[in-house]
Amino acid sequence: MAAPRNILVYARTVWYDTYAKTIIELTKQLAEKHRVLYLDYQFTLKDLLTRLFKGDKRPTAGQILGFKSRLQVLQSGGRGVLYLYTPPPIIPVQALPEGWLYRQLQAWNTRLVNRGLRRALRKLSMEQELILFNSFNPEFGQFYQGAFAEARHIYHCYDVIEAAPWLSRHGGPAEHRYLPEVDAAIFTSHGLFEQKGGLSPQAFVVENGVDYPRYRAAFTPPPGQGIVGYVGAVDFRTDKELLKAVIETCTHFQFEFVGPVKDAGMRSFLEEHPRVKWHGLHPASDLPGFLARWDAGIIPFLDNEFTAGVYPLKVNEYLAVGLPVVSTPFGQMSRFADIVHLADEAQKYSKELKAAVAEDTLEKRKIRSSFARQNSWEARARAVEKIIC
């Protein structure tokens, strides 16, 4: 059995997020066998004020400002251990144009964060043979070459950064500068691999997974309640016109939504429609309970530049519970054609949804759940481990 490795996960994802996130799930799995230090989201002073106003308490203001310990132990036991490091507040730079001022301030932010990380690594005796695993944070990655004397340097890409409204200004150029400098890149979809894999010395695909034990525990025969559901954000990825048309057409279904609705017009539509119930945000631990009551799960995404590289977490979550899934054929969804119903316009989508519910059986649910089992986070972490270790 290989010895535990020292891994620094240089992320941009808030650890205490409501929903399951790819890098969070992979980090938890890697920490079962290895010593892992996870860099939490790099909050700005503006973010800190917003969090105080909203009452967010994890991480605390004291941890962000350094009045309390920035270093926590989240997971220990067995061979591995997981530490969480909360960095000091940084200067907001996203609104700046590309150029000298942005690069100077972002380089200063990177040095500030890295100083604290190096202290943490020394304290934890994790400096030797370090594996640096940067997860979708090229804006910092472009400025820290050689800062950690790492043994191996990996970039983990899970979205089309150029198409993300909040990242496109600096993320795209930074990623193009950064990818050639790493030892290898891991992409969560074949679409991302095809777009960007050639920029890195080595490139691999490790797709998103599912917390299979959690979702399999909610497996049920078809409930027959006529409830169709959706988990996740209704946002710029959503085909809102298709979704409205399907809801209006499928008059014998109730529709449930769990997650934020970021479009005001769509939110009004969902709140006011007599056959729609919007449950708002719920923690990941609540989601299997919702899915267990549903007769089908839907993924009504647009097929565009952003979704071209998306491998949605929700598809395996739906399947693990046994739900029939109806999706638009965006991005990589054609690879699920044998197990998922696909339709590219509202009339076909409504027809597929009705057929998926009408033809569902216990045996079909078992087949879907068995398919999802192959895509567990445990299996994904083993694939990542082979690449980075």
Protein backbone atom coordinates (compact mmCIF):
# COMPACT_ATOMS: atom_id res chain seq x y z
CA MET A 1 0.00 0.00 0.00
CA ALA A 2 1.44 3.40 -1.04
CA ALA A 3 2.39 5.87 1.70
CA PRO A 4 0.09 8.85 2.29
CA ARG A 5 0.99 11.90 0.20
CA ASN A 6 0.89 15.62 1.08
CA ILE A 7 -1.71 17.38 -1.09
CA LEU A 8 -2.51 21.11 -1.22
CA VAL A 9 -5.91 21.73 -2.83
CA TYR A 10 -5.74 25.31 -4.10
CA ALA A 11 -9.45 25.87 -4.66
CA ARG A 12 -11.90 28.71 -5.22
CA THR A 13 -14.97 26.88 -3.86
CA VAL A 14 -16.42 27.74 -0.45
CA TRP A 15 -16.04 24.65 1.71
CA TYR A 16 -19.32 25.13 3.56
CA ASP A 17 -21.47 25.30 0.44
CA THR A 18 -25.14 24.29 0.39
CA TYR A 19 -24.76 21.97 -2.58
CA ALA A 20 -22.40 19.14 -3.42
CA LYS A 21 -19.36 20.45 -5.30
CA THR A 22 -16.94 18.37 -7.33
CA ILE A 23 -13.76 19.52 -5.61
CA ILE A 24 -15.28 19.21 -2.12
CA GLU A 25 -16.33 15.60 -2.73
CA LEU A 26 -12.97 14.68 -4.30
CA THR A 27 -11.09 16.30 -1.42
CA LYS A 28 -13.04 14.32 1.16
CA GLN A 29 -12.25 11.10 -0.65
CA LEU A 30 -8.54 11.90 -1.07
CA ALA A 31 -8.32 12.72 2.64
CA GLU A 32 -9.31 9.15 3.48
CA LYS A 33 -5.78 8.07 2.47
CA HIS A 34 -3.68 11.23 2.25
CA ARG A 35 -2.80 14.38 4.18
CA VAL A 36 -4.80 17.15 2.50
CA LEU A 37 -4.80 20.91 3.11
CA TYR A 38 -7.77 22.64 1.45
CA LEU A 39 -7.59 26.36 0.68
CA ASP A 40 -11.02 27.87 1.28
CA TYR A 41 -12.55 30.60 -0.90
CA GLN A 42 -10.55 33.82 -1.12
CA PHE A 43 -12.97 36.38 0.31
CA THR A 44 -12.57 40.11 -0.37
CA LEU A 45 -13.31 42.78 2.23
CA LYS A 46 -16.55 43.43 0.34
CA ASP A 47 -17.45 39.73 0.64
CA LEU A 48 -16.76 39.92 4.37
CA LEU A 49 -19.19 42.81 4.84
CA THR A 50 -21.84 40.98 2.79
CA ARG A 51 -21.40 37.85 4.90
CA LEU A 52 -21.76 39.83 8.13
CA PHE A 53 -24.99 41.38 6.81
CA LYS A 54 -26.36 37.97 5.78
CA GLY A 55 -25.32 36.29 9.01
CA ASP A 56 -23.02 33.70 7.37
CA LYS A 57 -20.88 32.12 10.09
CA ARG A 58 -18.69 29.52 8.36
CA PRO A 59 -15.96 30.61 8.11
CA THR A 60 -16.36 33.23 10.83
CA ALA A 61 -15.32 36.85 10.42
CA GLY A 62 -12.71 36.16 13.10
CA GLN A 63 -11.16 33.40 11.00
CA ILE A 64 -11.12 35.53 7.83
CA LEU A 65 -9.55 38.46 9.69
CA GLY A 66 -7.12 36.26 11.63
CA PHE A 67 -8.48 36.90 15.13
CA LYS A 68 -9.19 33.17 15.34
CA SER A 69 -7.17 30.28 13.99
CA ARG A 70 -7.29 30.06 10.21
CA LEU A 71 -6.45 26.34 10.37
CA GLN A 72 -9.00 23.66 11.23
CA VAL A 73 -9.01 19.87 11.27
CA LEU A 74 -12.12 18.67 9.42
CA GLN A 75 -11.53 14.95 8.99
CA SER A 76 -9.11 12.56 10.65
CA GLY A 77 -8.76 8.90 11.42
CA GLY A 78 -7.39 6.03 9.39
CA ARG A 79 -4.40 6.92 7.22
CA GLY A 80 -5.46 10.38 6.08
CA VAL A 81 -6.36 13.78 7.49
CA LEU A 82 -8.12 16.86 6.10
CA TYR A 83 -7.24 20.42 7.10
CA LEU A 84 -9.09 23.60 6.07
CA TYR A 85 -7.21 26.90 5.74
CA THR A 86 -9.13 30.21 5.68
CA PRO A 87 -7.06 32.90 3.90
CA PRO A 88 -6.95 36.61 4.81
CA PRO A 89 -9.20 38.99 2.85
CA ILE A 90 -7.89 40.00 -0.57
CA ILE A 91 -8.26 43.09 -2.75
CA PRO A 92 -11.24 42.84 -5.15
CA VAL A 93 -9.91 42.86 -8.72
CA GLN A 94 -12.59 41.19 -10.86
CA ALA A 95 -14.02 44.53 -12.03
CA LEU A 96 -10.66 45.76 -13.30
CA PRO A 97 -9.74 45.38 -17.00
CA GLU A 98 -6.86 43.13 -18.02
CA GLY A 99 -3.66 45.10 -17.75
CA TRP A 100 -0.86 46.34 -15.49
CA LEU A 101 -2.99 47.32 -12.47
CA TYR A 102 -4.96 44.07 -12.44
CA ARG A 103 -1.80 41.98 -12.71
CA GLN A 104 -0.01 43.90 -9.94
CA LEU A 105 -2.94 43.62 -7.52
CA GLN A 106 -3.65 39.98 -8.34
CA ALA A 107 0.02 39.10 -7.87
CA TRP A 108 -0.11 40.85 -4.46
CA ASN A 109 -3.26 38.84 -3.56
CA THR A 110 -1.49 35.64 -4.53
CA ARG A 111 1.57 36.44 -2.41
CA LEU A 112 -0.69 37.27 0.55
CA VAL A 113 -2.57 33.97 0.34
CA ASN A 114 0.58 31.95 -0.31
CA ARG A 115 2.42 33.33 2.73
CA GLY A 116 -0.30 31.97 4.99
CA LEU A 117 -0.39 28.66 3.14
CA ARG A 118 3.36 28.17 3.47
CA ARG A 119 3.13 28.82 7.22
CA ALA A 120 0.33 26.27 7.46
CA LEU A 121 2.28 23.69 5.47
CA ARG A 122 5.32 24.17 7.72
CA LYS A 123 3.20 23.85 10.85
CA LEU A 124 1.66 20.63 9.53
CA SER A 125 5.00 19.27 8.23
CA MET A 126 3.47 18.95 4.76
CA GLU A 127 6.11 20.75 2.69
CA GLN A 128 8.00 17.70 1.48
CA GLU A 129 7.00 16.00 -1.80
CA LEU A 130 3.96 18.26 -2.01
CA ILE A 131 1.31 17.70 -4.68
CA LEU A 132 -0.21 21.04 -5.70
CA PHE A 133 -3.76 20.51 -6.95
CA ASN A 134 -5.24 23.75 -8.31
CA SER A 135 -9.00 23.44 -8.79
CA PHE A 136 -10.34 26.00 -11.27
CA ASN A 137 -8.29 28.88 -9.85
CA PRO A 138 -5.94 29.94 -12.66
CA GLU A 139 -6.03 33.63 -11.66
CA PHE A 140 -3.93 32.70 -8.62
CA GLY A 141 -2.13 29.83 -10.34
CA GLN A 142 -0.58 32.08 -12.99
CA PHE A 143 1.34 33.99 -10.30
CA TYR A 144 2.60 31.31 -7.91
CA GLN A 145 5.02 29.31 -10.05
CA GLY A 146 7.65 27.78 -7.75
CA ALA A 147 6.10 29.20 -4.58
CA PHE A 148 5.69 25.78 -2.97
CA ALA A 149 8.55 23.74 -4.48
CA GLU A 150 5.94 21.12 -5.28
CA ALA A 151 6.79 17.66 -6.57
CA ARG A 152 3.80 17.62 -8.93
CA HIS A 153 1.52 20.41 -10.16
CA ILE A 154 -2.01 19.60 -11.37
CA TYR A 155 -4.80 21.79 -12.72
CA HIS A 156 -8.42 20.66 -12.27
CA CYS A 157 -10.94 22.23 -14.68
CA TYR A 158 -14.69 21.68 -14.25
CA ASP A 159 -16.32 24.47 -16.32
CA VAL A 160 -15.84 26.64 -19.40
CA ILE A 161 -14.24 29.54 -17.57
CA GLU A 162 -14.54 31.92 -20.55
CA ALA A 163 -18.32 31.52 -20.56
CA ALA A 164 -18.86 32.13 -16.84
CA PRO A 165 -20.06 35.75 -16.48
CA TRP A 166 -18.24 36.30 -13.17
CA LEU A 167 -14.92 34.83 -14.37
CA SER A 168 -14.66 35.43 -18.11
CA ARG A 169 -12.76 38.75 -17.97
CA HIS A 170 -9.67 37.37 -16.23
CA GLY A 171 -10.27 33.62 -15.92
CA GLY A 172 -9.96 32.80 -19.61
CA PRO A 173 -6.68 34.64 -20.25
CA ALA A 174 -5.24 33.38 -16.94
CA GLU A 175 -6.12 29.78 -17.78
CA HIS A 176 -4.42 30.02 -21.18
CA ARG A 177 -1.28 31.37 -19.52
CA TYR A 178 -1.41 28.81 -16.72
CA LEU A 179 -2.21 25.50 -18.45
CA PRO A 180 1.17 25.14 -20.22
CA GLU A 181 2.95 25.60 -16.87
CA VAL A 182 1.40 22.64 -15.01
CA ASP A 183 2.50 19.03 -15.12
CA ALA A 184 -0.98 17.78 -16.05
CA ALA A 185 -4.60 18.88 -16.27
CA ILE A 186 -7.73 16.96 -15.29
CA PHE A 187 -11.02 17.86 -17.00
CA THR A 188 -14.49 16.83 -15.80
CA SER A 189 -15.90 16.33 -19.29
CA HIS A 190 -14.75 15.26 -22.72
CA GLY A 191 -16.00 18.61 -24.03
CA LEU A 192 -13.56 20.49 -21.80
CA PHE A 193 -10.80 18.03 -22.70
CA GLU A 194 -11.36 18.63 -26.40
CA GLN A 195 -11.37 22.42 -25.96
CA LYS A 196 -8.39 22.80 -23.64
CA GLY A 197 -6.48 19.53 -23.30
CA GLY A 198 -3.95 20.50 -25.95
CA LEU A 199 -2.73 23.45 -23.85
CA SER A 200 -1.38 21.21 -21.07
CA PRO A 201 1.66 18.88 -21.23
CA GLN A 202 -0.61 16.01 -20.15
CA ALA A 203 -4.41 15.91 -20.06
CA PHE A 204 -6.93 13.50 -18.54
CA VAL A 205 -10.70 13.19 -18.11
CA VAL A 206 -12.22 12.35 -14.72
CA GLU A 207 -15.93 13.07 -14.81
CA ASN A 208 -18.15 14.23 -11.97
CA GLY A 209 -19.55 11.65 -9.57
CA VAL A 210 -22.22 11.03 -6.95
CA ASP A 211 -22.40 10.31 -3.24
CA TYR A 212 -23.84 6.93 -4.12
CA PRO A 213 -24.53 5.54 -0.61
CA ARG A 214 -26.46 8.68 0.35
CA TYR A 215 -28.65 8.69 -2.75
CA ARG A 216 -29.05 4.92 -3.04
CA ALA A 217 -30.52 4.94 0.47
CA ALA A 218 -33.46 6.92 -0.97
CA PHE A 219 -34.16 4.35 -3.71
CA THR A 220 -37.88 3.53 -4.04
CA PRO A 221 -40.23 1.89 -6.55
CA PRO A 222 -42.06 4.38 -8.80
CA PRO A 223 -44.13 6.46 -6.32
CA GLY A 224 -46.87 7.22 -8.84
CA GLN A 225 -47.62 10.66 -7.39
CA GLY A 226 -47.19 12.54 -10.66
CA ILE A 227 -44.39 14.72 -9.29
CA VAL A 228 -41.56 15.86 -11.57
CA GLY A 229 -38.57 17.57 -9.96
CA TYR A 230 -35.45 19.61 -10.56
CA VAL A 231 -32.46 20.10 -8.24
CA GLY A 232 -30.07 23.02 -8.69
CA ALA A 233 -30.05 26.63 -9.77
CA VAL A 234 -32.42 28.02 -12.37
CA ASP A 235 -30.03 30.48 -14.00
CA PHE A 236 -28.32 31.45 -17.26
CA ARG A 237 -27.83 27.76 -18.15
CA THR A 238 -31.57 27.01 -18.01
CA ASP A 239 -33.74 26.93 -21.13
CA LYS A 240 -36.48 28.99 -19.50
CA GLU A 241 -38.84 29.06 -22.48
CA LEU A 242 -38.67 25.29 -22.88
CA LEU A 243 -39.22 24.81 -19.15
CA LYS A 244 -42.29 27.07 -19.11
CA ALA A 245 -43.75 25.29 -22.15
CA VAL A 246 -43.23 21.84 -20.61
CA ILE A 247 -44.89 22.89 -17.35
CA GLU A 248 -47.88 24.30 -19.25
CA THR A 249 -48.16 21.24 -21.52
CA CYS A 250 -47.84 18.48 -18.92
CA THR A 251 -51.02 19.38 -17.07
CA HIS A 252 -51.26 16.11 -15.08
CA PHE A 253 -47.84 16.62 -13.41
CA GLN A 254 -46.88 18.65 -10.37
CA PHE A 255 -43.42 20.24 -10.62
CA GLU A 256 -41.04 20.79 -7.72
CA PHE A 257 -37.84 22.87 -7.70
CA VAL A 258 -35.11 22.71 -5.06
CA GLY A 259 -32.49 25.43 -5.36
CA PRO A 260 -32.11 29.13 -6.12
CA VAL A 261 -34.01 30.82 -8.93
CA LYS A 262 -31.80 33.67 -10.14
CA ASP A 263 -34.07 35.08 -12.84
CA ALA A 264 -36.81 37.38 -11.47
CA GLY A 265 -39.28 36.59 -14.26
CA MET A 266 -38.82 32.85 -13.89
CA ARG A 267 -39.12 33.10 -10.13
CA SER A 268 -42.48 34.88 -10.46
CA PHE A 269 -43.68 32.23 -12.91
CA LEU A 270 -42.74 29.38 -10.57
CA GLU A 271 -44.14 31.04 -7.45
CA GLU A 272 -47.46 31.86 -9.07
CA HIS A 273 -48.09 28.66 -11.05
CA PRO A 274 -50.69 26.42 -9.37
CA ARG A 275 -48.86 23.18 -10.26
CA VAL A 276 -45.39 24.30 -9.20
CA LYS A 277 -43.80 24.25 -5.76
CA TRP A 278 -40.50 26.01 -5.26
CA HIS A 279 -38.73 24.79 -2.12
CA GLY A 280 -35.78 27.19 -2.21
CA LEU A 281 -32.29 26.29 -1.02
CA HIS A 282 -31.72 23.08 0.94
CA PRO A 283 -28.50 21.41 2.12
CA ALA A 284 -27.22 18.41 0.19
CA SER A 285 -28.31 16.10 3.02
CA ASP A 286 -31.97 16.96 2.31
CA LEU A 287 -31.89 16.26 -1.43
CA PRO A 288 -32.35 12.45 -1.45
CA GLY A 289 -35.58 12.90 0.52
CA PHE A 290 -37.00 15.13 -2.21
CA LEU A 291 -35.91 12.80 -5.01
CA ALA A 292 -37.50 9.79 -3.31
CA ARG A 293 -40.96 11.36 -3.82
CA TRP A 294 -40.50 12.20 -7.48
CA ASP A 295 -41.57 10.26 -10.56
CA ALA A 296 -38.91 11.85 -12.79
CA GLY A 297 -36.00 14.31 -12.71
CA ILE A 298 -35.42 16.93 -15.38
CA ILE A 299 -32.36 18.80 -16.70
CA PRO A 300 -33.65 21.54 -19.06
CA PHE A 301 -30.35 23.23 -19.96
CA LEU A 302 -29.56 25.35 -22.97
CA ASP A 303 -27.09 23.94 -25.48
CA ASN A 304 -24.52 26.71 -25.69
CA GLU A 305 -20.87 27.66 -25.13
CA PHE A 306 -21.09 27.36 -21.35
CA THR A 307 -22.97 24.06 -21.16
CA ALA A 308 -20.73 22.49 -23.82
CA GLY A 309 -18.33 21.47 -21.08
CA VAL A 310 -20.85 20.68 -18.35
CA TYR A 311 -21.15 17.21 -16.83
CA PRO A 312 -24.04 17.83 -14.41
CA LEU A 313 -23.80 16.39 -10.90
CA LYS A 314 -27.56 15.99 -10.79
CA VAL A 315 -27.73 13.34 -13.52
CA ASN A 316 -26.03 10.70 -11.37
CA GLU A 317 -27.92 11.86 -8.27
CA TYR A 318 -31.23 11.31 -10.08
CA LEU A 319 -30.09 7.96 -11.45
CA ALA A 320 -28.77 6.70 -8.09
CA VAL A 321 -32.27 7.09 -6.63
CA GLY A 322 -33.65 5.28 -9.69
CA LEU A 323 -35.42 8.23 -11.27
CA PRO A 324 -36.09 8.35 -14.99
CA VAL A 325 -34.27 11.43 -16.30
CA VAL A 326 -35.33 13.74 -19.12
CA SER A 327 -32.73 16.20 -20.39
CA THR A 328 -31.95 18.44 -23.29
CA PRO A 329 -29.01 17.10 -25.38
CA PHE A 330 -26.48 19.71 -24.24
CA GLY A 331 -22.76 19.16 -23.80
CA GLN A 332 -21.95 15.56 -22.95
CA MET A 333 -25.51 14.32 -22.42
CA SER A 334 -25.49 12.33 -25.66
CA ARG A 335 -23.19 9.90 -23.81
CA PHE A 336 -26.17 9.09 -21.55
CA ALA A 337 -28.53 8.35 -24.46
CA ASP A 338 -28.97 4.69 -23.42
CA ILE A 339 -30.11 5.58 -19.90
CA VAL A 340 -31.54 9.14 -20.16
CA HIS A 341 -34.42 10.51 -22.28
CA LEU A 342 -33.19 13.34 -24.53
CA ALA A 343 -35.25 16.00 -26.32
CA ASP A 344 -34.22 19.30 -27.89
CA GLU A 345 -37.51 21.21 -28.04
CA ALA A 346 -40.55 21.65 -25.83
CA GLN A 347 -43.04 19.37 -27.63
CA LYS A 348 -40.60 16.46 -27.80
CA TYR A 349 -39.48 17.12 -24.23
CA SER A 350 -43.06 16.92 -22.94
CA LYS A 351 -43.63 13.70 -24.91
CA GLU A 352 -40.44 12.13 -23.51
CA LEU A 353 -41.35 13.18 -19.98
CA LYS A 354 -44.78 11.61 -20.18
CA ALA A 355 -43.34 8.41 -21.63
CA ALA A 356 -40.57 8.25 -19.03
CA VAL A 357 -43.09 8.34 -16.17
CA ALA A 358 -45.66 6.06 -17.83
CA GLU A 359 -43.10 3.36 -18.71
CA ASP A 360 -41.15 3.41 -15.45
CA THR A 361 -40.80 0.16 -13.48
CA LEU A 362 -38.94 -1.10 -10.44
CA GLU A 363 -36.56 -3.06 -12.68
CA LYS A 364 -35.73 0.02 -14.75
CA ARG A 365 -35.03 1.92 -11.55
CA LYS A 366 -32.63 -0.78 -10.42
CA ILE A 367 -30.77 -0.58 -13.75
CA ARG A 368 -30.45 3.22 -13.46
CA SER A 369 -29.20 3.04 -9.90
CA SER A 370 -26.68 0.37 -10.82
CA PHE A 371 -25.41 2.60 -13.64
CA ALA A 372 -24.88 5.50 -11.20
CA ARG A 373 -22.92 3.26 -8.84
CA GLN A 374 -20.09 3.13 -11.38
CA ASN A 375 -19.82 6.91 -11.05
CA SER A 376 -19.37 7.17 -7.28
CA TRP A 377 -17.03 9.78 -5.82
CA GLU A 378 -14.95 6.95 -4.43
CA ALA A 379 -14.35 5.65 -7.96
CA ARG A 380 -13.61 9.18 -9.24
CA ALA A 381 -11.11 9.79 -6.43
CA ARG A 382 -9.28 6.56 -7.29
CA ALA A 383 -8.95 7.80 -10.88
CA VAL A 384 -7.62 11.18 -9.72
CA GLU A 385 -5.22 9.48 -7.30
CA LYS A 386 -3.65 7.45 -10.12
CA ILE A 387 -2.95 10.67 -12.01
CA ILE A 388 -1.64 12.90 -9.23
CA CYS A 389 0.24 10.38 -7.09
